[in-house]
Amino acid sequence: SRVDLKQERLKAAFVKELTPMAKACAWTSGRWPYIQMQWNAIEQTHRS
């Protein structure tokens, strides 16, 4: 909703949007902000 999906450099636009949040994401360790869930507590359930 914030990116022009027809632009030629679309990947670069997505990288620009995602990069500022990279350090806060708990994909492999730590806890997720806002929901306070341990990274490995995320499961394949609707709630998770």
All heavy atoms as atom14 arrays in JSON, in Angstrom:
{
  "sequence": "SRVDLKQERLKAAFVKELTPMAKACAWTSGRWPYIQMQWNAIEQTHRS",
  "atom14_mask": [
    [1, 1, 1, 1, 1, 1, 0, 0, 0, 0, 0, 0, 0, 0],
    [1, 1, 1, 1, 1, 1, 1, 1, 1, 1, 1, 0, 0, 0],
    [1, 1, 1, 1, 1, 1, 1, 0, 0, 0, 0, 0, 0, 0],
    [1, 1, 1, 1, 1, 1, 1, 1, 0, 0, 0, 0, 0, 0],
    [1, 1, 1, 1, 1, 1, 1, 1, 0, 0, 0, 0, 0, 0],
    [1, 1, 1, 1, 1, 1, 1, 1, 1, 0, 0, 0, 0, 0],
    [1, 1, 1, 1, 1, 1, 1, 1, 1, 0, 0, 0, 0, 0],
    [1, 1, 1, 1, 1, 1, 1, 1, 1, 0, 0, 0, 0, 0],
    [1, 1, 1, 1, 1, 1, 1, 1, 1, 1, 1, 0, 0, 0],
    [1, 1, 1, 1, 1, 1, 1, 1, 0, 0, 0, 0, 0, 0],
    [1, 1, 1, 1, 1, 1, 1, 1, 1, 0, 0, 0, 0, 0],
    [1, 1, 1, 1, 1, 0, 0, 0, 0, 0, 0, 0, 0, 0],
    [1, 1, 1, 1, 1, 0, 0, 0, 0, 0, 0, 0, 0, 0],
    [1, 1, 1, 1, 1, 1, 1, 1, 1, 1, 1, 0, 0, 0],
    [1, 1, 1, 1, 1, 1, 1, 0, 0, 0, 0, 0, 0, 0],
    [1, 1, 1, 1, 1, 1, 1, 1, 1, 0, 0, 0, 0, 0],
    [1, 1, 1, 1, 1, 1, 1, 1, 1, 0, 0, 0, 0, 0],
    [1, 1, 1, 1, 1, 1, 1, 1, 0, 0, 0, 0, 0, 0],
    [1, 1, 1, 1, 1, 1, 1, 0, 0, 0, 0, 0, 0, 0],
    [1, 1, 1, 1, 1, 1, 1, 0, 0, 0, 0, 0, 0, 0],
    [1, 1, 1, 1, 1, 1, 1, 1, 0, 0, 0, 0, 0, 0],
    [1, 1, 1, 1, 1, 0, 0, 0, 0, 0, 0, 0, 0, 0],
    [1, 1, 1, 1, 1, 1, 1, 1, 1, 0, 0, 0, 0, 0],
    [1, 1, 1, 1, 1, 0, 0, 0, 0, 0, 0, 0, 0, 0],
    [1, 1, 1, 1, 1, 1, 0, 0, 0, 0, 0, 0, 0, 0],
    [1, 1, 1, 1, 1, 0, 0, 0, 0, 0, 0, 0, 0, 0],
    [1, 1, 1, 1, 1, 1, 1, 1, 1, 1, 1, 1, 1, 1],
    [1, 1, 1, 1, 1, 1, 1, 0, 0, 0, 0, 0, 0, 0],
    [1, 1, 1, 1, 1, 1, 0, 0, 0, 0, 0, 0, 0, 0],
    [1, 1, 1, 1, 0, 0, 0, 0, 0, 0, 0, 0, 0, 0],
    [1, 1, 1, 1, 1, 1, 1, 1, 1, 1, 1, 0, 0, 0],
    [1, 1, 1, 1, 1, 1, 1, 1, 1, 1, 1, 1, 1, 1],
    [1, 1, 1, 1, 1, 1, 1, 0, 0, 0, 0, 0, 0, 0],
    [1, 1, 1, 1, 1, 1, 1, 1, 1, 1, 1, 1, 0, 0],
    [1, 1, 1, 1, 1, 1, 1, 1, 0, 0, 0, 0, 0, 0],
    [1, 1, 1, 1, 1, 1, 1, 1, 1, 0, 0, 0, 0, 0],
    [1, 1, 1, 1, 1, 1, 1, 1, 0, 0, 0, 0, 0, 0],
    [1, 1, 1, 1, 1, 1, 1, 1, 1, 0, 0, 0, 0, 0],
    [1, 1, 1, 1, 1, 1, 1, 1, 1, 1, 1, 1, 1, 1],
    [1, 1, 1, 1, 1, 1, 1, 1, 0, 0, 0, 0, 0, 0],
    [1, 1, 1, 1, 1, 0, 0, 0, 0, 0, 0, 0, 0, 0],
    [1, 1, 1, 1, 1, 1, 1, 1, 0, 0, 0, 0, 0, 0],
    [1, 1, 1, 1, 1, 1, 1, 1, 1, 0, 0, 0, 0, 0],
    [1, 1, 1, 1, 1, 1, 1, 1, 1, 0, 0, 0, 0, 0],
    [1, 1, 1, 1, 1, 1, 1, 0, 0, 0, 0, 0, 0, 0],
    [1, 1, 1, 1, 1, 1, 1, 1, 1, 1, 0, 0, 0, 0],
    [1, 1, 1, 1, 1, 1, 1, 1, 1, 1, 1, 0, 0, 0],
    [1, 1, 1, 1, 1, 1, 0, 0, 0, 0, 0, 0, 0, 0]
  ],
  "atom14_positions": [
    [[0.82, -1.22, 0.0], [0.0, 0.0, 0.0], [0.85, 1.26, 0.0], [0.35, 2.36, -0.24], [-0.92, 0.0, 1.23], [-0.17, 0.1, 2.43], [0.0, 0.0, 0.0], [0.0, 0.0, 0.0], [0.0, 0.0, 0.0], [0.0, 0.0, 0.0], [0.0, 0.0, 0.0], [0.0, 0.0, 0.0], [0.0, 0.0, 0.0], [0.0, 0.0, 0.0]],
    [[2.16, 1.12, 0.26], [3.07, 2.28, 0.32], [4.09, 2.3, -0.81], [4.86, 3.24, -0.93], [3.81, 2.28, 1.65], [2.94, 2.52, 2.87], [3.69, 2.2, 4.17], [5.02, 2.79, 4.21], [5.3, 4.02, 4.68], [4.31, 4.78, 5.13], [6.53, 4.47, 4.7], [0.0, 0.0, 0.0], [0.0, 0.0, 0.0], [0.0, 0.0, 0.0]],
    [[4.09, 1.24, -1.63], [5.12, 1.11, -2.66], [4.46, 1.04, -4.04], [3.41, 0.42, -4.21], [5.96, -0.17, -2.41], [6.86, -0.5, -3.59], [6.8, -0.02, -1.14], [0.0, 0.0, 0.0], [0.0, 0.0, 0.0], [0.0, 0.0, 0.0], [0.0, 0.0, 0.0], [0.0, 0.0, 0.0], [0.0, 0.0, 0.0], [0.0, 0.0, 0.0]],
    [[5.1, 1.65, -5.03], [4.64, 1.55, -6.41], [5.05, 0.18, -6.96], [6.24, -0.07, -7.21], [5.26, 2.66, -7.26], [4.86, 2.57, -8.73], [3.95, 1.77, -9.05], [5.48, 3.28, -9.56], [0.0, 0.0, 0.0], [0.0, 0.0, 0.0], [0.0, 0.0, 0.0], [0.0, 0.0, 0.0], [0.0, 0.0, 0.0], [0.0, 0.0, 0.0]],
    [[4.08, -0.71, -7.12], [4.38, -2.09, -7.53], [4.77, -2.22, -8.99], [5.19, -3.29, -9.43], [3.17, -2.99, -7.24], [2.77, -3.1, -5.77], [1.5, -3.95, -5.63], [3.89, -3.71, -4.93], [0.0, 0.0, 0.0], [0.0, 0.0, 0.0], [0.0, 0.0, 0.0], [0.0, 0.0, 0.0], [0.0, 0.0, 0.0], [0.0, 0.0, 0.0]],
    [[4.63, -1.14, -9.76], [4.97, -1.2, -11.19], [6.37, -0.68, -11.49], [6.81, -0.72, -12.64], [3.94, -0.39, -11.99], [2.55, -0.98, -11.95], [1.58, -0.18, -12.8], [0.18, -0.78, -12.78], [-0.77, 0.0, -13.61], [0.0, 0.0, 0.0], [0.0, 0.0, 0.0], [0.0, 0.0, 0.0], [0.0, 0.0, 0.0], [0.0, 0.0, 0.0]],
    [[7.08, -0.2, -10.47], [8.42, 0.37, -10.72], [9.44, -0.7, -11.09], [9.29, -1.87, -10.74], [8.9, 1.13, -9.48], [9.04, 0.26, -8.24], [9.48, 1.06, -7.04], [10.61, 1.55, -7.01], [8.58, 1.22, -6.08], [0.0, 0.0, 0.0], [0.0, 0.0, 0.0], [0.0, 0.0, 0.0], [0.0, 0.0, 0.0], [0.0, 0.0, 0.0]],
    [[10.45, -0.3, -11.8], [11.47, -1.24, -12.27], [12.3, -1.79, -11.12], [12.64, -2.96, -11.08], [12.39, -0.55, -13.3], [11.73, -0.29, -14.65], [11.31, -1.58, -15.34], [12.1, -2.55, -15.31], [10.2, -1.61, -15.9], [0.0, 0.0, 0.0], [0.0, 0.0, 0.0], [0.0, 0.0, 0.0], [0.0, 0.0, 0.0], [0.0, 0.0, 0.0]],
    [[12.66, -0.93, -10.17], [13.52, -1.33, -9.06], [12.66, -1.73, -7.85], [12.8, -1.19, -6.75], [14.49, -0.21, -8.71], [15.49, 0.08, -9.82], [16.34, 1.31, -9.52], [17.0, 1.24, -8.23], [18.12, 0.57, -7.97], [18.71, -0.1, -8.97], [18.66, 0.57, -6.79], [0.0, 0.0, 0.0], [0.0, 0.0, 0.0], [0.0, 0.0, 0.0]],
    [[11.79, -2.67, -8.07], [10.83, -3.05, -7.04], [11.52, -3.73, -5.86], [11.18, -3.47, -4.69], [9.75, -3.96, -7.63], [8.6, -4.36, -6.69], [7.91, -3.14, -6.11], [7.59, -5.23, -7.43], [0.0, 0.0, 0.0], [0.0, 0.0, 0.0], [0.0, 0.0, 0.0], [0.0, 0.0, 0.0], [0.0, 0.0, 0.0], [0.0, 0.0, 0.0]],
    [[12.49, -4.6, -6.12], [13.17, -5.28, -5.02], [13.86, -4.27, -4.11], [13.78, -4.37, -2.88], [14.2, -6.28, -5.55], [14.79, -7.16, -4.44], [16.02, -7.93, -4.88], [17.27, -7.08, -4.67], [18.52, -7.86, -4.79], [0.0, 0.0, 0.0], [0.0, 0.0, 0.0], [0.0, 0.0, 0.0], [0.0, 0.0, 0.0], [0.0, 0.0, 0.0]],
    [[14.51, -3.28, -4.71], [15.2, -2.25, -3.91], [14.21, -1.48, -3.04], [14.51, -1.14, -1.88], [15.95, -1.29, -4.83], [0.0, 0.0, 0.0], [0.0, 0.0, 0.0], [0.0, 0.0, 0.0], [0.0, 0.0, 0.0], [0.0, 0.0, 0.0], [0.0, 0.0, 0.0], [0.0, 0.0, 0.0], [0.0, 0.0, 0.0], [0.0, 0.0, 0.0]],
    [[13.02, -1.26, -3.56], [11.99, -0.56, -2.78], [11.56, -1.4, -1.58], [11.38, -0.88, -0.47], [10.79, -0.24, -3.67], [0.0, 0.0, 0.0], [0.0, 0.0, 0.0], [0.0, 0.0, 0.0], [0.0, 0.0, 0.0], [0.0, 0.0, 0.0], [0.0, 0.0, 0.0], [0.0, 0.0, 0.0], [0.0, 0.0, 0.0], [0.0, 0.0, 0.0]],
    [[11.42, -2.71, -1.79], [11.05, -3.6, -0.69], [12.18, -3.66, 0.36], [11.92, -3.68, 1.57], [10.74, -5.0, -1.21], [9.39, -5.14, -1.85], [9.24, -5.84, -3.04], [8.26, -4.58, -1.27], [7.99, -5.98, -3.64], [7.01, -4.71, -1.86], [6.88, -5.42, -3.05], [0.0, 0.0, 0.0], [0.0, 0.0, 0.0], [0.0, 0.0, 0.0]],
    [[13.43, -3.72, -0.11], [14.57, -3.75, 0.81], [14.57, -2.5, 1.69], [14.78, -2.57, 2.91], [15.9, -3.86, 0.03], [17.1, -3.6, 0.96], [16.03, -5.23, -0.63], [0.0, 0.0, 0.0], [0.0, 0.0, 0.0], [0.0, 0.0, 0.0], [0.0, 0.0, 0.0], [0.0, 0.0, 0.0], [0.0, 0.0, 0.0], [0.0, 0.0, 0.0]],
    [[14.3, -1.36, 1.09], [14.26, -0.09, 1.82], [13.19, -0.12, 2.91], [13.4, 0.42, 4.01], [14.0, 1.05, 0.85], [14.02, 2.44, 1.49], [13.77, 3.52, 0.46], [13.75, 4.9, 1.12], [13.51, 5.99, 0.13], [0.0, 0.0, 0.0], [0.0, 0.0, 0.0], [0.0, 0.0, 0.0], [0.0, 0.0, 0.0], [0.0, 0.0, 0.0]],
    [[12.03, -0.74, 2.62], [10.95, -0.8, 3.59], [11.24, -1.79, 4.72], [10.84, -1.56, 5.87], [9.64, -1.22, 2.89], [9.14, -0.24, 1.85], [8.66, 1.06, 2.46], [7.97, 1.01, 3.51], [8.99, 2.13, 1.92], [0.0, 0.0, 0.0], [0.0, 0.0, 0.0], [0.0, 0.0, 0.0], [0.0, 0.0, 0.0], [0.0, 0.0, 0.0]],
    [[11.93, -2.88, 4.42], [12.16, -3.94, 5.4], [13.38, -3.7, 6.3], [13.39, -4.12, 7.46], [12.32, -5.29, 4.7], [11.09, -5.89, 4.02], [11.48, -7.07, 3.14], [10.06, -6.33, 5.07], [0.0, 0.0, 0.0], [0.0, 0.0, 0.0], [0.0, 0.0, 0.0], [0.0, 0.0, 0.0], [0.0, 0.0, 0.0], [0.0, 0.0, 0.0]],
    [[14.4, -3.05, 5.77], [15.68, -2.93, 6.48], [15.57, -2.31, 7.87], [16.17, -2.83, 8.82], [16.69, -2.15, 5.62], [16.92, -2.87, 4.4], [18.02, -1.99, 6.36], [0.0, 0.0, 0.0], [0.0, 0.0, 0.0], [0.0, 0.0, 0.0], [0.0, 0.0, 0.0], [0.0, 0.0, 0.0], [0.0, 0.0, 0.0], [0.0, 0.0, 0.0]],
    [[14.8, -1.23, 8.06], [14.76, -0.62, 9.4], [14.23, -1.53, 10.51], [14.51, -1.29, 11.69], [13.82, 0.59, 9.19], [13.91, 0.89, 7.74], [14.05, -0.44, 7.07], [0.0, 0.0, 0.0], [0.0, 0.0, 0.0], [0.0, 0.0, 0.0], [0.0, 0.0, 0.0], [0.0, 0.0, 0.0], [0.0, 0.0, 0.0], [0.0, 0.0, 0.0]],
    [[13.49, -2.55, 10.16], [12.91, -3.43, 11.18], [13.73, -4.7, 11.39], [13.38, -5.54, 12.23], [11.47, -3.79, 10.83], [11.28, -4.43, 9.47], [9.53, -4.66, 9.0], [9.02, -5.92, 10.14], [0.0, 0.0, 0.0], [0.0, 0.0, 0.0], [0.0, 0.0, 0.0], [0.0, 0.0, 0.0], [0.0, 0.0, 0.0], [0.0, 0.0, 0.0]],
    [[14.84, -4.87, 10.64], [15.59, -6.12, 10.64], [16.12, -6.5, 12.02], [15.99, -7.65, 12.45], [16.73, -6.03, 9.64], [0.0, 0.0, 0.0], [0.0, 0.0, 0.0], [0.0, 0.0, 0.0], [0.0, 0.0, 0.0], [0.0, 0.0, 0.0], [0.0, 0.0, 0.0], [0.0, 0.0, 0.0], [0.0, 0.0, 0.0], [0.0, 0.0, 0.0]],
    [[16.71, -5.55, 12.74], [17.35, -5.88, 14.02], [16.35, -6.24, 15.11], [16.69, -6.93, 16.07], [18.22, -4.71, 14.48], [19.44, -4.48, 13.6], [20.3, -3.35, 14.14], [21.54, -3.14, 13.27], [22.39, -2.03, 13.77], [0.0, 0.0, 0.0], [0.0, 0.0, 0.0], [0.0, 0.0, 0.0], [0.0, 0.0, 0.0], [0.0, 0.0, 0.0]],
    [[15.11, -5.8, 14.96], [14.11, -6.06, 15.99], [13.4, -7.4, 15.81], [12.69, -7.85, 16.71], [13.09, -4.93, 16.0], [0.0, 0.0, 0.0], [0.0, 0.0, 0.0], [0.0, 0.0, 0.0], [0.0, 0.0, 0.0], [0.0, 0.0, 0.0], [0.0, 0.0, 0.0], [0.0, 0.0, 0.0], [0.0, 0.0, 0.0], [0.0, 0.0, 0.0]],
    [[13.59, -8.04, 14.68], [12.91, -9.32, 14.41], [13.62, -10.47, 15.11], [14.84, -10.62, 15.01], [12.85, -9.57, 12.9], [11.72, -8.47, 12.03], [0.0, 0.0, 0.0], [0.0, 0.0, 0.0], [0.0, 0.0, 0.0], [0.0, 0.0, 0.0], [0.0, 0.0, 0.0], [0.0, 0.0, 0.0], [0.0, 0.0, 0.0], [0.0, 0.0, 0.0]],
    [[12.87, -11.3, 15.78], [13.43, -12.41, 16.56], [13.25, -13.73, 15.82], [12.59, -14.65, 16.32], [12.78, -12.46, 17.94], [0.0, 0.0, 0.0], [0.0, 0.0, 0.0], [0.0, 0.0, 0.0], [0.0, 0.0, 0.0], [0.0, 0.0, 0.0], [0.0, 0.0, 0.0], [0.0, 0.0, 0.0], [0.0, 0.0, 0.0], [0.0, 0.0, 0.0]],
    [[13.83, -13.81, 14.64], [13.65, -15.02, 13.83], [14.41, -16.22, 14.42], [13.92, -17.36, 14.36], [14.13, -14.8, 12.4], [13.34, -13.83, 11.59], [13.79, -12.68, 11.0], [11.94, -13.91, 11.27], [12.78, -12.03, 10.34], [11.62, -12.78, 10.48], [10.94, -14.82, 11.56], [10.35, -12.54, 9.98], [9.66, -14.58, 11.08], [9.38, -13.46, 10.3]],
    [[15.6, -15.98, 14.99], [16.44, -17.09, 15.43], [16.78, -17.06, 16.91], [17.33, -18.04, 17.43], [17.77, -17.1, 14.63], [18.46, -15.85, 14.86], [17.51, -17.25, 13.14], [0.0, 0.0, 0.0], [0.0, 0.0, 0.0], [0.0, 0.0, 0.0], [0.0, 0.0, 0.0], [0.0, 0.0, 0.0], [0.0, 0.0, 0.0], [0.0, 0.0, 0.0]],
    [[16.46, -15.98, 17.6], [16.74, -15.88, 19.04], [15.97, -14.7, 19.62], [15.46, -13.85, 18.88], [18.25, -15.69, 19.3], [18.69, -14.46, 18.72], [0.0, 0.0, 0.0], [0.0, 0.0, 0.0], [0.0, 0.0, 0.0], [0.0, 0.0, 0.0], [0.0, 0.0, 0.0], [0.0, 0.0, 0.0], [0.0, 0.0, 0.0], [0.0, 0.0, 0.0]],
    [[15.88, -14.65, 20.96], [15.25, -13.52, 21.62], [13.73, -13.6, 21.64], [13.13, -14.65, 21.39], [0.0, 0.0, 0.0], [0.0, 0.0, 0.0], [0.0, 0.0, 0.0], [0.0, 0.0, 0.0], [0.0, 0.0, 0.0], [0.0, 0.0, 0.0], [0.0, 0.0, 0.0], [0.0, 0.0, 0.0], [0.0, 0.0, 0.0], [0.0, 0.0, 0.0]],
    [[13.13, -12.45, 21.98], [11.68, -12.35, 22.09], [11.16, -11.33, 21.1], [11.81, -10.34, 20.79], [11.28, -11.94, 23.51], [11.69, -12.92, 24.58], [11.36, -12.38, 25.97], [9.94, -12.37, 26.23], [9.27, -13.41, 26.72], [9.9, -14.55, 27.0], [7.98, -13.33, 26.96], [0.0, 0.0, 0.0], [0.0, 0.0, 0.0], [0.0, 0.0, 0.0]],
    [[9.94, -11.59, 20.63], [9.3, -10.67, 19.69], [8.71, -9.48, 20.45], [8.04, -9.66, 21.47], [8.19, -11.38, 18.92], [8.71, -12.22, 17.8], [8.98, -13.55, 17.84], [9.04, -11.77, 16.49], [9.47, -13.97, 16.64], [9.52, -12.9, 15.77], [9.01, -10.54, 15.84], [9.94, -12.83, 14.45], [9.42, -10.46, 14.52], [9.88, -11.59, 13.84]],
    [[8.98, -8.26, 19.96], [8.36, -7.1, 20.59], [6.85, -7.09, 20.34], [6.37, -7.76, 19.44], [9.03, -5.91, 19.88], [9.48, -6.46, 18.57], [9.83, -7.9, 18.82], [0.0, 0.0, 0.0], [0.0, 0.0, 0.0], [0.0, 0.0, 0.0], [0.0, 0.0, 0.0], [0.0, 0.0, 0.0], [0.0, 0.0, 0.0], [0.0, 0.0, 0.0]],
    [[6.14, -6.38, 21.17], [4.68, -6.21, 21.09], [3.9, -7.44, 21.58], [2.87, -7.31, 22.21], [4.22, -5.84, 19.68], [4.8, -4.53, 19.2], [5.87, -4.51, 18.33], [4.28, -3.31, 19.63], [6.42, -3.32, 17.9], [4.83, -2.1, 19.21], [5.9, -2.12, 18.35], [6.45, -0.92, 17.92], [0.0, 0.0, 0.0], [0.0, 0.0, 0.0]],
    [[4.39, -8.64, 21.26], [3.65, -9.84, 21.68], [4.38, -10.61, 22.77], [3.82, -11.51, 23.39], [3.38, -10.78, 20.48], [4.7, -11.25, 19.83], [2.48, -10.1, 19.46], [4.5, -12.3, 18.76], [0.0, 0.0, 0.0], [0.0, 0.0, 0.0], [0.0, 0.0, 0.0], [0.0, 0.0, 0.0], [0.0, 0.0, 0.0], [0.0, 0.0, 0.0]],
    [[5.66, -10.28, 23.01], [6.46, -10.89, 24.07], [6.47, -12.41, 24.01], [6.31, -13.1, 25.02], [5.97, -10.4, 25.45], [6.1, -8.91, 25.68], [7.53, -8.41, 25.45], [8.49, -8.99, 25.95], [7.68, -7.33, 24.67], [0.0, 0.0, 0.0], [0.0, 0.0, 0.0], [0.0, 0.0, 0.0], [0.0, 0.0, 0.0], [0.0, 0.0, 0.0]],
    [[6.65, -12.93, 22.8], [6.77, -14.38, 22.63], [8.2, -14.74, 22.28], [8.85, -14.04, 21.49], [5.83, -14.87, 21.52], [4.36, -14.86, 21.89], [3.3, -15.49, 20.54], [3.73, -17.24, 20.53], [0.0, 0.0, 0.0], [0.0, 0.0, 0.0], [0.0, 0.0, 0.0], [0.0, 0.0, 0.0], [0.0, 0.0, 0.0], [0.0, 0.0, 0.0]],
    [[8.71, -15.81, 22.92], [10.03, -16.3, 22.6], [10.06, -16.73, 21.13], [9.06, -17.23, 20.6], [10.39, -17.48, 23.51], [11.87, -17.8, 23.6], [12.67, -16.75, 24.34], [12.1, -15.95, 25.07], [13.98, -16.75, 24.13], [0.0, 0.0, 0.0], [0.0, 0.0, 0.0], [0.0, 0.0, 0.0], [0.0, 0.0, 0.0], [0.0, 0.0, 0.0]],
    [[11.18, -16.57, 20.46], [11.25, -16.84, 19.01], [10.77, -18.25, 18.67], [10.06, -18.45, 17.69], [12.69, -16.63, 18.52], [13.65, -17.74, 18.88], [14.35, -17.87, 20.04], [13.96, -18.89, 18.1], [15.1, -19.02, 20.04], [14.88, -19.66, 18.85], [13.58, -19.35, 16.85], [15.41, -20.86, 18.38], [14.11, -20.54, 16.37], [15.01, -21.28, 17.13]],
    [[11.18, -19.25, 19.49], [10.82, -20.64, 19.17], [9.47, -21.05, 19.74], [9.09, -22.22, 19.67], [11.91, -21.59, 19.64], [12.23, -21.45, 21.12], [11.63, -20.62, 21.8], [13.18, -22.24, 21.6], [0.0, 0.0, 0.0], [0.0, 0.0, 0.0], [0.0, 0.0, 0.0], [0.0, 0.0, 0.0], [0.0, 0.0, 0.0], [0.0, 0.0, 0.0]],
    [[8.72, -20.08, 20.31], [7.35, -20.37, 20.77], [6.35, -20.22, 19.63], [5.2, -20.62, 19.75], [6.98, -19.44, 21.92], [0.0, 0.0, 0.0], [0.0, 0.0, 0.0], [0.0, 0.0, 0.0], [0.0, 0.0, 0.0], [0.0, 0.0, 0.0], [0.0, 0.0, 0.0], [0.0, 0.0, 0.0], [0.0, 0.0, 0.0], [0.0, 0.0, 0.0]],
    [[6.81, -19.65, 18.52], [5.95, -19.5, 17.34], [5.72, -20.87, 16.72], [6.68, -21.57, 16.38], [6.57, -18.55, 16.3], [6.84, -17.17, 16.92], [5.69, -18.44, 15.07], [5.59, -16.42, 17.33], [0.0, 0.0, 0.0], [0.0, 0.0, 0.0], [0.0, 0.0, 0.0], [0.0, 0.0, 0.0], [0.0, 0.0, 0.0], [0.0, 0.0, 0.0]],
    [[4.46, -21.26, 16.56], [4.13, -22.57, 16.01], [3.2, -22.41, 14.81], [2.71, -21.32, 14.53], [3.45, -23.43, 17.09], [4.33, -23.68, 18.31], [3.59, -24.43, 19.39], [2.34, -24.45, 19.34], [4.25, -24.98, 20.29], [0.0, 0.0, 0.0], [0.0, 0.0, 0.0], [0.0, 0.0, 0.0], [0.0, 0.0, 0.0], [0.0, 0.0, 0.0]],
    [[2.94, -23.55, 14.15], [2.04, -23.54, 12.99], [0.6, -23.65, 13.45], [-0.08, -24.64, 13.21], [2.44, -24.67, 12.02], [1.55, -24.85, 10.8], [1.29, -23.57, 10.03], [1.95, -22.56, 10.19], [0.28, -23.58, 9.18], [0.0, 0.0, 0.0], [0.0, 0.0, 0.0], [0.0, 0.0, 0.0], [0.0, 0.0, 0.0], [0.0, 0.0, 0.0]],
    [[0.15, -22.63, 14.16], [-1.24, -22.57, 14.6], [-1.81, -21.22, 14.18], [-1.06, -20.26, 13.95], [-1.36, -22.71, 16.13], [-0.71, -21.59, 16.75], [-0.74, -24.01, 16.61], [0.0, 0.0, 0.0], [0.0, 0.0, 0.0], [0.0, 0.0, 0.0], [0.0, 0.0, 0.0], [0.0, 0.0, 0.0], [0.0, 0.0, 0.0], [0.0, 0.0, 0.0]],
    [[-3.13, -21.14, 14.11], [-3.76, -19.88, 13.72], [-3.37, -18.77, 14.71], [-3.09, -17.64, 14.3], [-5.28, -20.05, 13.69], [-6.02, -18.8, 13.35], [-6.08, -18.29, 12.07], [-6.72, -17.93, 14.14], [-6.78, -17.17, 12.08], [-7.17, -16.93, 13.32], [0.0, 0.0, 0.0], [0.0, 0.0, 0.0], [0.0, 0.0, 0.0], [0.0, 0.0, 0.0]],
    [[-3.35, -19.09, 15.99], [-3.03, -18.08, 17.0], [-1.6, -17.57, 16.83], [-1.34, -16.36, 16.86], [-3.22, -18.66, 18.4], [-2.87, -17.66, 19.51], [-3.04, -18.28, 20.9], [-2.63, -17.33, 21.93], [-1.38, -17.14, 22.31], [-0.4, -17.83, 21.73], [-1.1, -16.27, 23.26], [0.0, 0.0, 0.0], [0.0, 0.0, 0.0], [0.0, 0.0, 0.0]],
    [[-0.63, -18.49, 16.65], [0.77, -18.09, 16.49], [0.97, -17.22, 15.25], [1.67, -16.21, 15.3], [1.67, -19.32, 16.42], [2.0, -19.8, 17.69], [0.0, 0.0, 0.0], [0.0, 0.0, 0.0], [0.0, 0.0, 0.0], [0.0, 0.0, 0.0], [0.0, 0.0, 0.0], [0.0, 0.0, 0.0], [0.0, 0.0, 0.0], [0.0, 0.0, 0.0]]
  ]
}
